[in-house]
Amino acid sequence: MPLFPIPKAILIKYEHKLPILSNKEYNSYLKMIGKCLNLRFNLTSHVARKTAGTLWLNEGISLDVVSKMLGHKNI
């Protein structure tokens, strides 16, 4: 599968074994990013999922496809 240069370099750096963060660690990093951006709300993985779903729907991706990408069993 073709990759852009930066993601490819990251995969090579980690020998194709990316570190796995717990949800708590991931949300902690997102919170720090939100503070750096002066966001008025806490940035979390849940907020990111909802935002991604909304953006995909606004781009015209069907509800069925968005539902599957988000891991929902049904619409």
Protein backbone atom coordinates (compact mmCIF):
# COMPACT_ATOMS: atom_id res chain seq x y z
CA MET A 1 0.00 0.00 0.00
CA PRO A 2 1.51 3.37 -0.96
CA LEU A 3 2.13 5.76 1.93
CA PHE A 4 3.03 9.41 2.23
CA PRO A 5 6.67 9.98 3.26
CA ILE A 6 6.05 11.10 6.86
CA PRO A 7 3.79 8.17 7.90
CA LYS A 8 6.19 5.82 6.13
CA ALA A 9 9.15 7.24 8.10
CA ILE A 10 7.22 6.82 11.36
CA LEU A 11 6.48 3.17 10.57
CA ILE A 12 10.13 2.55 9.72
CA LYS A 13 11.26 4.28 12.94
CA TYR A 14 9.09 1.97 15.03
CA GLU A 15 9.81 -1.12 12.87
CA HIS A 16 6.09 -1.28 11.97
CA LYS A 17 5.19 -1.74 15.68
CA LEU A 18 3.52 1.49 16.74
CA PRO A 19 3.22 2.14 20.47
CA ILE A 20 -0.22 1.45 21.90
CA LEU A 21 -1.56 4.04 24.33
CA SER A 22 -4.30 3.44 26.85
CA ASN A 23 -7.44 5.52 26.40
CA LYS A 24 -6.45 7.47 29.53
CA GLU A 25 -3.00 8.33 28.09
CA TYR A 26 -4.48 9.21 24.70
CA ASN A 27 -7.08 11.54 26.23
CA SER A 28 -4.37 13.12 28.39
CA TYR A 29 -2.36 14.00 25.28
CA LEU A 30 -5.47 15.31 23.55
CA LYS A 31 -6.22 17.48 26.59
CA MET A 32 -2.71 18.99 26.41
CA ILE A 33 -3.17 19.70 22.70
CA GLY A 34 -6.52 21.35 23.44
CA LYS A 35 -4.89 23.60 26.03
CA CYS A 36 -2.16 24.60 23.56
CA LEU A 37 -4.88 25.53 21.08
CA ASN A 38 -6.83 27.45 23.75
CA LEU A 39 -9.94 25.36 23.16
CA ARG A 40 -12.90 26.14 25.41
CA PHE A 41 -13.75 22.44 25.80
CA ASN A 42 -11.84 19.28 26.68
CA LEU A 43 -10.55 17.53 23.60
CA THR A 44 -11.17 13.78 23.98
CA SER A 45 -11.31 10.71 21.79
CA HIS A 46 -15.11 10.85 22.04
CA VAL A 47 -15.17 14.43 20.74
CA ALA A 48 -12.80 13.38 17.93
CA ARG A 49 -15.08 10.47 16.91
CA LYS A 50 -18.15 12.70 16.83
CA THR A 51 -16.27 15.36 14.84
CA ALA A 52 -14.99 12.80 12.33
CA GLY A 53 -18.48 11.39 11.85
CA THR A 54 -19.96 14.84 11.29
CA LEU A 55 -17.23 15.82 8.82
CA TRP A 56 -17.68 12.60 6.85
CA LEU A 57 -21.45 13.09 6.66
CA ASN A 58 -20.94 16.71 5.55
CA GLU A 59 -18.58 15.46 2.82
CA GLY A 60 -21.38 13.30 1.45
CA ILE A 61 -20.30 9.90 2.75
CA SER A 62 -23.41 7.79 3.30
CA LEU A 63 -24.74 7.21 6.79
CA ASP A 64 -24.29 3.44 6.37
CA VAL A 65 -20.58 3.85 5.60
CA VAL A 66 -19.98 6.37 8.42
CA SER A 67 -21.78 4.08 10.85
CA LYS A 68 -19.51 1.17 9.88
CA MET A 69 -16.34 3.31 10.06
CA LEU A 70 -17.28 4.33 13.61
CA GLY A 71 -17.82 0.69 14.56
CA HIS A 72 -21.57 0.86 15.11
CA LYS A 73 -23.54 -2.37 14.76
CA ASN A 74 -26.49 -0.54 13.20
CA ILE A 75 -27.46 2.96 12.16
